[in-house]
């Protein structure tokens, strides 16, 4: 019985690495799939020299958290909230979520 439990736990931990499960949630008998987050600047401008006022966290196409003065603050907040992976815009005026080249994945 113990061997079966250990095998199950190791399987889940391997799944965590590939899918984004969180160990802490697993240890409390809850299993959650974490959503990915995108750190975007505001206001959106096509002009790369336009000023940035703040950064927001976008999940599933909706702004869920906002008003961070830096990308680092927004990234740290998203990581602390458990979003995995966190994508940060590489170039200010390119934020197409369907283009992987516009984003860098941050290792939380």
Protein backbone atom coordinates (compact mmCIF):
# COMPACT_ATOMS: atom_id res chain seq x y z
CA UNK A 1 0.00 0.00 0.00
CA UNK A 2 2.80 2.43 0.91
CA UNK A 3 4.59 1.70 -2.37
CA UNK A 4 1.39 2.52 -4.28
CA UNK A 5 1.04 5.86 -2.45
CA UNK A 6 4.68 6.77 -3.10
CA UNK A 7 4.27 5.88 -6.78
CA UNK A 8 1.13 8.06 -7.00
CA UNK A 9 2.86 11.01 -5.33
CA UNK A 10 5.89 10.77 -7.62
CA UNK A 11 3.58 10.61 -10.66
CA UNK A 12 1.75 13.75 -9.55
CA UNK A 13 5.02 15.57 -8.90
CA UNK A 14 6.20 14.70 -12.42
CA UNK A 15 2.89 16.06 -13.73
CA UNK A 16 3.52 19.24 -11.77
CA UNK A 17 6.69 19.90 -13.71
CA UNK A 18 5.05 19.46 -17.09
CA UNK A 19 1.60 20.97 -16.47
CA UNK A 20 2.03 23.50 -13.69
CA UNK A 21 0.53 21.92 -10.58
CA UNK A 22 1.58 23.43 -7.26
CA UNK A 23 3.10 21.20 -4.55
CA UNK A 24 1.66 23.18 -1.63
CA UNK A 25 -1.87 22.67 -2.93
CA UNK A 26 -1.23 18.96 -3.43
CA UNK A 27 -0.01 18.53 0.13
CA UNK A 28 -3.29 19.96 1.45
CA UNK A 29 -5.23 17.35 -0.57
CA UNK A 30 -6.23 19.89 -3.19
CA UNK A 31 -4.99 19.90 -6.76
CA UNK A 32 -5.22 23.02 -8.91
CA UNK A 33 -4.09 23.73 -12.43
CA UNK A 34 -2.48 27.14 -12.42
CA UNK A 35 -3.30 29.64 -15.13
CA UNK A 36 -0.71 31.49 -17.13
CA UNK A 37 -0.42 35.25 -16.71
CA UNK A 38 0.81 37.99 -19.03
CA UNK A 39 2.42 41.19 -17.76
CA UNK A 40 1.38 44.04 -20.08
CA UNK A 41 1.95 47.78 -20.05
CA UNK A 42 -0.76 50.43 -20.10
CA UNK A 43 -1.95 52.45 -21.88
CA UNK A 44 -1.64 50.37 -25.03
CA UNK A 45 0.11 52.34 -27.75
CA UNK A 46 1.37 51.47 -31.20
CA UNK A 47 4.08 54.11 -30.79
CA UNK A 48 7.08 52.54 -29.07
CA UNK A 49 8.13 55.94 -27.64
CA UNK A 50 4.81 56.69 -25.92
CA UNK A 51 5.07 56.83 -22.12
CA UNK A 52 4.02 53.87 -19.96
CA UNK A 53 1.90 54.74 -16.93
CA UNK A 54 1.55 51.32 -15.29
CA UNK A 55 1.60 47.53 -15.77
CA UNK A 56 -1.24 45.03 -15.40
CA UNK A 57 -1.60 41.25 -15.05
CA UNK A 58 -3.78 39.68 -17.73
CA UNK A 59 -5.24 36.18 -17.27
CA UNK A 60 -7.56 34.59 -19.84
CA UNK A 61 -7.78 37.88 -21.72
CA UNK A 62 -9.00 39.89 -18.72
CA UNK A 63 -7.10 42.30 -16.52
CA UNK A 64 -7.19 40.72 -13.07
CA UNK A 65 -4.70 42.93 -11.24
CA UNK A 66 -3.33 46.31 -12.18
CA UNK A 67 -1.53 49.53 -11.33
CA UNK A 68 2.00 48.22 -10.83
CA UNK A 69 4.67 50.81 -11.47
CA UNK A 70 7.23 48.26 -12.78
CA UNK A 71 7.23 44.92 -14.57
CA UNK A 72 9.16 43.41 -11.67
CA UNK A 73 6.44 44.35 -9.17
CA UNK A 74 3.76 42.86 -11.42
CA UNK A 75 5.80 39.70 -12.04
CA UNK A 76 6.51 39.15 -8.34
CA UNK A 77 2.82 39.65 -7.49
CA UNK A 78 1.73 37.16 -10.20
CA UNK A 79 4.26 34.60 -8.96
CA UNK A 80 3.13 35.08 -5.36
CA UNK A 81 -0.50 34.54 -6.43
CA UNK A 82 0.48 31.22 -8.02
CA UNK A 83 0.14 32.00 -11.71
CA UNK A 84 2.36 29.70 -13.79
CA UNK A 85 3.90 30.43 -16.21
CA UNK A 86 4.27 34.20 -16.09
CA UNK A 87 4.97 35.85 -19.46
CA UNK A 88 6.56 39.30 -19.59
CA UNK A 89 6.51 41.45 -22.73
CA UNK A 90 9.89 41.64 -24.46
CA UNK A 91 9.16 44.76 -26.49
CA UNK A 92 6.83 47.52 -25.31
CA UNK A 93 4.72 47.99 -28.43
CA UNK A 94 4.43 44.28 -29.33
CA UNK A 95 2.00 42.43 -27.07
CA UNK A 96 0.37 39.83 -29.29
CA UNK A 97 -0.27 36.92 -26.90
CA UNK A 98 -0.34 34.46 -29.81
CA UNK A 99 3.26 35.29 -30.78
CA UNK A 100 5.75 33.56 -28.43
CA UNK A 101 8.59 35.79 -29.72
CA UNK A 102 6.92 38.81 -28.10
CA UNK A 103 7.16 37.29 -24.60
CA UNK A 104 9.74 35.86 -22.25
CA UNK A 105 8.69 33.19 -19.77
CA UNK A 106 9.75 34.14 -16.27
CA UNK A 107 10.92 31.34 -13.95
CA UNK A 108 9.06 32.09 -10.74
